[in-house]
PDB file of N, CA and C in Angstrom:
ATOM      1  N   UNK A   1      55.076 -13.103  20.135  1.00  0.00           N
ATOM      2  CA  UNK A   1      53.490 -13.755  20.374  1.00  0.00           C
ATOM      3  C   UNK A   1      53.150 -12.895  19.250  1.00  0.00           C
ATOM      4  N   UNK A   2      53.665 -11.127  18.977  1.00  0.00           N
ATOM      5  CA  UNK A   2      52.597 -10.204  18.244  1.00  0.00           C
ATOM      6  C   UNK A   2      52.555 -10.396  16.750  1.00  0.00           C
ATOM      7  N   UNK A   3      53.883 -11.035  16.490  1.00  0.00           N
ATOM      8  CA  UNK A   3      54.174 -11.144  15.391  1.00  0.00           C
ATOM      9  C   UNK A   3      53.433 -12.316  14.841  1.00  0.00           C
ATOM     10  N   UNK A   4      52.647 -12.893  15.403  1.00  0.00           N
ATOM     11  CA  UNK A   4      52.089 -14.076  15.130  1.00  0.00           C
ATOM     12  C   UNK A   4      50.616 -13.688  14.322  1.00  0.00           C
ATOM     13  N   UNK A   5      50.742 -14.477  13.093  1.00  0.00           N
ATOM     14  CA  UNK A   5      49.533 -13.923  11.859  1.00  0.00           C
ATOM     15  C   UNK A   5      48.772 -15.544  11.596  1.00  0.00           C
ATOM     16  N   UNK A   6      49.387 -16.563  12.027  1.00  0.00           N
ATOM     17  CA  UNK A   6      48.429 -18.178  11.625  1.00  0.00           C
ATOM     18  C   UNK A   6      48.228 -18.382  12.890  1.00  0.00           C
ATOM     19  N   UNK A   7      47.664 -19.709  12.318  1.00  0.00           N
ATOM     20  CA  UNK A   7      47.487 -21.050  13.244  1.00  0.00           C
ATOM     21  C   UNK A   7      48.625 -22.102  13.257  1.00  0.00           C
ATOM     22  N   UNK A   8      49.487 -21.901  12.508  1.00  0.00           N
ATOM     23  CA  UNK A   8      50.505 -22.949  11.926  1.00  0.00           C
ATOM     24  C   UNK A   8      50.158 -23.750  10.655  1.00  0.00           C
ATOM     25  N   UNK A   9      50.991 -24.451  10.859  1.00  0.00           N
ATOM     26  CA  UNK A   9      50.970 -25.303   9.619  1.00  0.00           C
ATOM     27  C   UNK A   9      50.424 -26.896  10.004  1.00  0.00           C
ATOM     28  N   UNK A  10      48.875 -26.596   9.467  1.00  0.00           N
ATOM     29  CA  UNK A  10      47.905 -27.945   9.246  1.00  0.00           C
ATOM     30  C   UNK A  10      47.376 -28.239   8.143  1.00  0.00           C
ATOM     31  N   UNK A  11      46.500 -29.790   7.649  1.00  0.00           N
ATOM     32  CA  UNK A  11      46.192 -29.388   6.871  1.00  0.00           C
ATOM     33  C   UNK A  11      44.905 -31.128   7.499  1.00  0.00           C
ATOM     34  N   UNK A  12      43.796 -30.662   7.165  1.00  0.00           N
ATOM     35  CA  UNK A  12      43.050 -31.346   7.720  1.00  0.00           C
ATOM     36  C   UNK A  12      41.058 -32.230   6.560  1.00  0.00           C
ATOM     37  N   UNK A  13      41.094 -33.412   7.048  1.00  0.00           N
ATOM     38  CA  UNK A  13      39.999 -33.141   6.066  1.00  0.00           C
ATOM     39  C   UNK A  13      38.906 -32.437   6.575  1.00  0.00           C
ATOM     40  N   UNK A  14      38.307 -31.775   5.673  1.00  0.00           N
ATOM     41  CA  UNK A  14      36.495 -31.122   6.220  1.00  0.00           C
ATOM     42  C   UNK A  14      35.274 -31.970   5.768  1.00  0.00           C
ATOM     43  N   UNK A  15      35.432 -32.341   4.666  1.00  0.00           N
ATOM     44  CA  UNK A  15      34.316 -33.652   4.349  1.00  0.00           C
ATOM     45  C   UNK A  15      35.231 -34.196   3.425  1.00  0.00           C
ATOM     46  N   UNK A  16      34.919 -35.861   4.169  1.00  0.00           N
ATOM     47  CA  UNK A  16      36.270 -36.760   3.396  1.00  0.00           C
ATOM     48  C   UNK A  16      35.662 -36.701   2.059  1.00  0.00           C
ATOM     49  N   UNK A  17      36.344 -37.419   1.007  1.00  0.00           N
ATOM     50  CA  UNK A  17      36.063 -37.476  -0.030  1.00  0.00           C
ATOM     51  C   UNK A  17      34.793 -38.843  -0.668  1.00  0.00           C
ATOM     52  N   UNK A  18      34.133 -38.576  -1.284  1.00  0.00           N
ATOM     53  CA  UNK A  18      32.635 -39.369  -1.919  1.00  0.00           C
ATOM     54  C   UNK A  18      33.178 -40.384  -2.201  1.00  0.00           C
ATOM     55  N   UNK A  19      31.714 -40.974  -3.242  1.00  0.00           N
ATOM     56  CA  UNK A  19      32.355 -42.234  -3.635  1.00  0.00           C
ATOM     57  C   UNK A  19      32.880 -41.690  -5.462  1.00  0.00           C
ATOM     58  N   UNK A  20      32.985 -39.944  -5.349  1.00  0.00           N
ATOM     59  CA  UNK A  20      33.444 -39.759  -7.101  1.00  0.00           C
ATOM     60  C   UNK A  20      34.883 -39.421  -6.728  1.00  0.00           C
ATOM     61  N   UNK A  21      35.288 -39.045  -5.502  1.00  0.00           N
ATOM     62  CA  UNK A  21      36.407 -39.010  -5.160  1.00  0.00           C
ATOM     63  C   UNK A  21      36.971 -36.859  -4.452  1.00  0.00           C
ATOM     64  N   UNK A  22      35.549 -36.714  -4.473  1.00  0.00           N
ATOM     65  CA  UNK A  22      35.740 -35.829  -4.153  1.00  0.00           C
ATOM     66  C   UNK A  22      35.361 -34.970  -2.614  1.00  0.00           C
ATOM     67  N   UNK A  23      36.229 -34.097  -1.958  1.00  0.00           N
ATOM     68  CA  UNK A  23      36.390 -33.674  -0.548  1.00  0.00           C
ATOM     69  C   UNK A  23      36.281 -32.476  -0.180  1.00  0.00           C
ATOM     70  N   UNK A  24      36.844 -31.658   0.829  1.00  0.00           N
ATOM     71  CA  UNK A  24      37.375 -30.683   1.256  1.00  0.00           C
ATOM     72  C   UNK A  24      38.182 -30.969   2.435  1.00  0.00           C
ATOM     73  N   UNK A  25      39.072 -29.998   1.306  1.00  0.00           N
ATOM     74  CA  UNK A  25      40.290 -29.974   2.899  1.00  0.00           C
ATOM     75  C   UNK A  25      40.455 -28.047   3.809  1.00  0.00           C
ATOM     76  N   UNK A  26      40.264 -28.540   5.108  1.00  0.00           N
ATOM     77  CA  UNK A  26      40.824 -27.339   5.780  1.00  0.00           C
ATOM     78  C   UNK A  26      41.713 -27.543   6.285  1.00  0.00           C
ATOM     79  N   UNK A  27      42.800 -25.921   6.790  1.00  0.00           N
ATOM     80  CA  UNK A  27      43.461 -25.892   7.028  1.00  0.00           C
ATOM     81  C   UNK A  27      44.142 -24.301   7.000  1.00  0.00           C
ATOM     82  N   UNK A  28      45.652 -24.281   7.784  1.00  0.00           N
ATOM     83  CA  UNK A  28      46.317 -23.489   8.002  1.00  0.00           C
ATOM     84  C   UNK A  28      47.391 -23.683   7.512  1.00  0.00           C
ATOM     85  N   UNK A  29      48.060 -22.848   6.111  1.00  0.00           N
ATOM     86  CA  UNK A  29      49.330 -23.026   5.858  1.00  0.00           C
ATOM     87  C   UNK A  29      50.068 -21.389   5.462  1.00  0.00           C
ATOM     88  N   UNK A  30      51.090 -20.623   5.278  1.00  0.00           N
ATOM     89  CA  UNK A  30      51.311 -20.053   5.220  1.00  0.00           C
ATOM     90  C   UNK A  30      51.401 -19.626   3.733  1.00  0.00           C
ATOM     91  N   UNK A  31      51.538 -20.626   2.751  1.00  0.00           N
ATOM     92  CA  UNK A  31      51.187 -20.947   1.412  1.00  0.00           C
ATOM     93  C   UNK A  31      49.836 -21.719   0.922  1.00  0.00           C
ATOM     94  N   UNK A  32      48.638 -20.774   0.903  1.00  0.00           N
ATOM     95  CA  UNK A  32      47.415 -21.599   1.122  1.00  0.00           C
ATOM     96  C   UNK A  32      47.075 -22.287  -0.376  1.00  0.00           C
ATOM     97  N   UNK A  33      46.434 -23.777  -0.435  1.00  0.00           N
ATOM     98  CA  UNK A  33      46.570 -24.415  -2.090  1.00  0.00           C
ATOM     99  C   UNK A  33      45.839 -23.844  -2.850  1.00  0.00           C
ATOM    100  N   UNK A  34      46.362 -23.681  -4.330  1.00  0.00           N
ATOM    101  CA  UNK A  34      45.556 -22.959  -5.148  1.00  0.00           C
ATOM    102  C   UNK A  34      45.286 -23.892  -5.930  1.00  0.00           C
ATOM    103  N   UNK A  35      44.051 -23.410  -6.712  1.00  0.00           N
ATOM    104  CA  UNK A  35      43.488 -24.976  -8.101  1.00  0.00           C
ATOM    105  C   UNK A  35      44.784 -25.177  -8.854  1.00  0.00           C
ATOM    106  N   UNK A  36      44.750 -26.566  -8.962  1.00  0.00           N
ATOM    107  CA  UNK A  36      45.814 -26.804  -9.570  1.00  0.00           C
ATOM    108  C   UNK A  36      46.659 -27.844  -8.743  1.00  0.00           C
ATOM    109  N   UNK A  37      46.941 -27.060  -8.137  1.00  0.00           N
ATOM    110  CA  UNK A  37      48.346 -27.436  -6.896  1.00  0.00           C
ATOM    111  C   UNK A  37      47.295 -29.363  -6.075  1.00  0.00           C
ATOM    112  N   UNK A  38      48.487 -29.928  -6.383  1.00  0.00           N
ATOM    113  CA  UNK A  38      48.108 -31.332  -5.541  1.00  0.00           C
ATOM    114  C   UNK A  38      48.538 -31.598  -4.466  1.00  0.00           C
ATOM    115  N   UNK A  39      47.626 -32.518  -3.985  1.00  0.00           N
ATOM    116  CA  UNK A  39      47.850 -33.017  -2.024  1.00  0.00           C
ATOM    117  C   UNK A  39      48.366 -34.439  -2.165  1.00  0.00           C
ATOM    118  N   UNK A  40      49.260 -35.058  -1.373  1.00  0.00           N
ATOM    119  CA  UNK A  40      49.794 -36.487  -1.465  1.00  0.00           C
ATOM    120  C   UNK A  40      48.375 -36.593   0.236  1.00  0.00           C
ATOM    121  N   UNK A  41      47.696 -37.231   0.231  1.00  0.00           N
ATOM    122  CA  UNK A  41      47.691 -37.919   1.241  1.00  0.00           C
ATOM    123  C   UNK A  41      47.694 -39.680   1.331  1.00  0.00           C
ATOM    124  N   UNK A  42      48.105 -39.776   2.837  1.00  0.00           N
ATOM    125  CA  UNK A  42      48.163 -41.274   3.084  1.00  0.00           C
ATOM    126  C   UNK A  42      46.755 -41.525   3.535  1.00  0.00           C
ATOM    127  N   UNK A  43      46.464 -43.104   2.512  1.00  0.00           N
ATOM    128  CA  UNK A  43      44.842 -43.532   2.928  1.00  0.00           C
ATOM    129  C   UNK A  43      45.221 -44.630   4.238  1.00  0.00           C
ATOM    130  N   UNK A  44      43.767 -45.364   4.050  1.00  0.00           N
ATOM    131  CA  UNK A  44      44.126 -46.490   5.560  1.00  0.00           C
ATOM    132  C   UNK A  44      44.265 -47.499   4.728  1.00  0.00           C
ATOM    133  N   UNK A  45      44.657 -47.769   3.604  1.00  0.00           N
ATOM    134  CA  UNK A  45      44.607 -49.058   2.952  1.00  0.00           C
ATOM    135  C   UNK A  45      46.323 -49.123   2.715  1.00  0.00           C
ATOM    136  N   UNK A  46      47.114 -47.712   3.291  1.00  0.00           N
ATOM    137  CA  UNK A  46      48.602 -47.686   3.013  1.00  0.00           C
ATOM    138  C   UNK A  46      48.975 -47.079   2.026  1.00  0.00           C
ATOM    139  N   UNK A  47      48.090 -47.119   1.169  1.00  0.00           N
ATOM    140  CA  UNK A  47      48.636 -46.323  -0.298  1.00  0.00           C
ATOM    141  C   UNK A  47      48.802 -45.153  -0.020  1.00  0.00           C
ATOM    142  N   UNK A  48      49.286 -44.089  -0.713  1.00  0.00           N
ATOM    143  CA  UNK A  48      48.621 -42.603  -0.940  1.00  0.00           C
ATOM    144  C   UNK A  48      48.387 -41.965  -2.499  1.00  0.00           C
ATOM    145  N   UNK A  49      46.653 -41.397  -1.820  1.00  0.00           N
ATOM    146  CA  UNK A  49      46.102 -41.244  -2.603  1.00  0.00           C
ATOM    147  C   UNK A  49      46.214 -39.392  -3.260  1.00  0.00           C
ATOM    148  N   UNK A  50      46.698 -39.033  -4.561  1.00  0.00           N
ATOM    149  CA  UNK A  50      46.931 -37.532  -4.818  1.00  0.00           C
ATOM    150  C   UNK A  50      45.389 -37.100  -5.491  1.00  0.00           C
ATOM    151  N   UNK A  51      45.379 -35.713  -4.645  1.00  0.00           N
ATOM    152  CA  UNK A  51      44.824 -34.969  -4.566  1.00  0.00           C
ATOM    153  C   UNK A  51      44.732 -33.545  -5.403  1.00  0.00           C
ATOM    154  N   UNK A  52      43.738 -33.263  -6.732  1.00  0.00           N
ATOM    155  CA  UNK A  52      43.813 -31.987  -6.920  1.00  0.00           C
ATOM    156  C   UNK A  52      42.769 -30.654  -6.528  1.00  0.00           C
ATOM    157  N   UNK A  53      43.639 -29.697  -6.093  1.00  0.00           N
ATOM    158  CA  UNK A  53      42.899 -28.640  -5.686  1.00  0.00           C
ATOM    159  C   UNK A  53      42.237 -28.250  -7.098  1.00  0.00           C
ATOM    160  N   UNK A  54      40.170 -28.128  -6.578  1.00  0.00           N
ATOM    161  CA  UNK A  54      39.702 -27.987  -7.766  1.00  0.00           C
ATOM    162  C   UNK A  54      39.255 -26.299  -7.866  1.00  0.00           C
ATOM    163  N   UNK A  55      38.650 -25.641  -8.560  1.00  0.00           N
ATOM    164  CA  UNK A  55      38.662 -23.984  -8.885  1.00  0.00           C
ATOM    165  C   UNK A  55      37.898 -23.806  -8.817  1.00  0.00           C
ATOM    166  N   UNK A  56      36.178 -24.168  -8.540  1.00  0.00           N
ATOM    167  CA  UNK A  56      35.118 -23.766  -7.898  1.00  0.00           C
ATOM    168  C   UNK A  56      35.263 -24.185  -6.925  1.00  0.00           C
ATOM    169  N   UNK A  57      34.296 -23.379  -5.380  1.00  0.00           N
ATOM    170  CA  UNK A  57      33.657 -23.289  -3.987  1.00  0.00           C
ATOM    171  C   UNK A  57      35.017 -23.435  -2.953  1.00  0.00           C
ATOM    172  N   UNK A  58      36.285 -22.728  -3.438  1.00  0.00           N
ATOM    173  CA  UNK A  58      37.289 -22.525  -2.741  1.00  0.00           C
ATOM    174  C   UNK A  58      37.052 -21.130  -1.615  1.00  0.00           C
ATOM    175  N   UNK A  59      37.240 -21.263  -0.230  1.00  0.00           N
ATOM    176  CA  UNK A  59      37.256 -20.471   0.442  1.00  0.00           C
ATOM    177  C   UNK A  59      39.000 -20.022   1.145  1.00  0.00           C
ATOM    178  N   UNK A  60      38.824 -18.678   1.142  1.00  0.00           N
ATOM    179  CA  UNK A  60      40.277 -18.236   1.841  1.00  0.00           C
ATOM    180  C   UNK A  60      39.744 -17.238   3.167  1.00  0.00           C
ATOM    181  N   UNK A  61      39.564 -17.423   3.936  1.00  0.00           N
ATOM    182  CA  UNK A  61      39.389 -16.104   4.694  1.00  0.00           C
ATOM    183  C   UNK A  61      40.719 -15.361   5.350  1.00  0.00           C
ATOM    184  N   UNK A  62      39.693 -14.252   5.661  1.00  0.00           N
ATOM    185  CA  UNK A  62      40.822 -12.975   5.958  1.00  0.00           C
ATOM    186  C   UNK A  62      41.357 -13.078   7.482  1.00  0.00           C
ATOM    187  N   UNK A  63      40.410 -13.953   8.264  1.00  0.00           N
ATOM    188  CA  UNK A  63      40.686 -14.173   9.622  1.00  0.00           C
ATOM    189  C   UNK A  63      41.030 -15.462  10.535  1.00  0.00           C
ATOM    190  N   UNK A  64      42.167 -16.254  10.527  1.00  0.00           N
ATOM    191  CA  UNK A  64      43.285 -15.498  10.546  1.00  0.00           C
ATOM    192  C   UNK A  64      43.608 -15.786   9.048  1.00  0.00           C
ATOM    193  N   UNK A  65      44.715 -15.478   8.307  1.00  0.00           N
ATOM    194  CA  UNK A  65      45.355 -15.337   7.601  1.00  0.00           C
ATOM    195  C   UNK A  65      45.831 -16.365   6.196  1.00  0.00           C
ATOM    196  N   UNK A  66      46.075 -17.508   7.104  1.00  0.00           N
ATOM    197  CA  UNK A  66      46.764 -18.472   6.271  1.00  0.00           C
ATOM    198  C   UNK A  66      45.400 -19.444   6.342  1.00  0.00           C
ATOM    199  N   UNK A  67      44.533 -19.190   6.484  1.00  0.00           N
ATOM    200  CA  UNK A  67      43.368 -20.415   6.839  1.00  0.00           C
ATOM    201  C   UNK A  67      42.324 -20.649   5.531  1.00  0.00           C
ATOM    202  N   UNK A  68      42.307 -22.048   5.454  1.00  0.00           N
ATOM    203  CA  UNK A  68      41.422 -22.246   4.056  1.00  0.00           C
ATOM    204  C   UNK A  68      40.699 -23.085   4.037  1.00  0.00           C
ATOM    205  N   UNK A  69      39.697 -23.529   2.832  1.00  0.00           N
ATOM    206  CA  UNK A  69      38.878 -24.183   2.942  1.00  0.00           C
ATOM    207  C   UNK A  69      39.155 -24.739   1.331  1.00  0.00           C
ATOM    208  N   UNK A  70      39.379 -26.088   0.379  1.00  0.00           N
ATOM    209  CA  UNK A  70      39.534 -26.101  -0.478  1.00  0.00           C
ATOM    210  C   UNK A  70      39.014 -27.377  -1.185  1.00  0.00           C
ATOM    211  N   UNK A  71      38.214 -27.588  -2.363  1.00  0.00           N
ATOM    212  CA  UNK A  71      37.791 -28.275  -2.544  1.00  0.00           C
ATOM    213  C   UNK A  71      38.918 -29.440  -3.601  1.00  0.00           C
ATOM    214  N   UNK A  72      38.462 -30.138  -3.608  1.00  0.00           N
ATOM    215  CA  UNK A  72      39.755 -31.860  -3.751  1.00  0.00           C
ATOM    216  C   UNK A  72      39.093 -32.515  -4.644  1.00  0.00           C
ATOM    217  N   UNK A  73      39.689 -33.428  -6.257  1.00  0.00           N
ATOM    218  CA  UNK A  73      39.245 -34.350  -6.241  1.00  0.00           C
ATOM    219  C   UNK A  73      40.605 -35.275  -6.639  1.00  0.00           C
ATOM    220  N   UNK A  74      40.152 -36.560  -6.273  1.00  0.00           N
ATOM    221  CA  UNK A  74      40.859 -37.477  -6.362  1.00  0.00           C
ATOM    222  C   UNK A  74      41.510 -37.956  -7.843  1.00  0.00           C
ATOM    223  N   UNK A  75      42.872 -37.853  -8.350  1.00  0.00           N
ATOM    224  CA  UNK A  75      43.333 -38.303  -9.693  1.00  0.00           C
ATOM    225  C   UNK A  75      43.985 -39.421  -9.657  1.00  0.00           C
ATOM    226  N   UNK A  76      44.823 -40.114  -8.497  1.00  0.00           N
ATOM    227  CA  UNK A  76      45.156 -41.296  -8.789  1.00  0.00           C
ATOM    228  C   UNK A  76      46.007 -41.734  -7.619  1.00  0.00           C
ATOM    229  N   UNK A  77      46.464 -43.135  -7.605  1.00  0.00           N
ATOM    230  CA  UNK A  77      47.646 -43.469  -6.146  1.00  0.00           C
ATOM    231  C   UNK A  77      49.100 -43.048  -6.434  1.00  0.00           C
ATOM    232  N   UNK A  78      49.896 -42.679  -5.946  1.00  0.00           N
ATOM    233  CA  UNK A  78      51.189 -42.224  -6.280  1.00  0.00           C
ATOM    234  C   UNK A  78      52.188 -43.185  -6.733  1.00  0.00           C
ATOM    235  N   UNK A  79      51.634 -44.452  -6.741  1.00  0.00           N
ATOM    236  CA  UNK A  79      53.085 -45.997  -6.677  1.00  0.00           C
ATOM    237  C   UNK A  79      51.576 -45.866  -8.683  1.00  0.00           C
ATOM    238  N   UNK A  80      51.575 -45.661  -8.883  1.00  0.00           N
ATOM    239  CA  UNK A  80      50.659 -45.751 -10.189  1.00  0.00           C
ATOM    240  C   UNK A  80      51.127 -44.472 -11.113  1.00  0.00           C
ATOM    241  N   UNK A  81      51.135 -43.283 -10.356  1.00  0.00           N
ATOM    242  CA  UNK A  81      52.255 -42.682 -11.234  1.00  0.00           C
ATOM    243  C   UNK A  81      53.172 -42.460 -11.683  1.00  0.00           C
ATOM    244  N   UNK A  82      54.182 -42.903 -10.545  1.00  0.00           N
ATOM    245  CA  UNK A  82      55.687 -43.573 -11.049  1.00  0.00           C
ATOM    246  C   UNK A  82      55.974 -44.613 -11.585  1.00  0.00           C
ATOM    247  N   UNK A  83      55.057 -45.204 -11.606  1.00  0.00           N
ATOM    248  CA  UNK A  83      55.126 -46.655 -13.104  1.00  0.00           C
ATOM    249  C   UNK A  83      55.042 -46.194 -14.229  1.00  0.00           C
TER     250      UNK A  83
END
């Protein structure tokens, strides 16, 4: 227990994507998302959407050290990228 340095592996929508496909993701990961990273998210439609972590407005708190808030932008749907 004394070696516990974070809250675990988790990712949640902090602010759902708006009509322009921009939103904010919050969570706890040992390797926090960085600008340019892509996140695949299952949508209610059954399709997997791809979001890219943006450069501006990201927050990486120090306590706990694995916490993050990152802004993302919709890129495409996974099925379209494979074609």
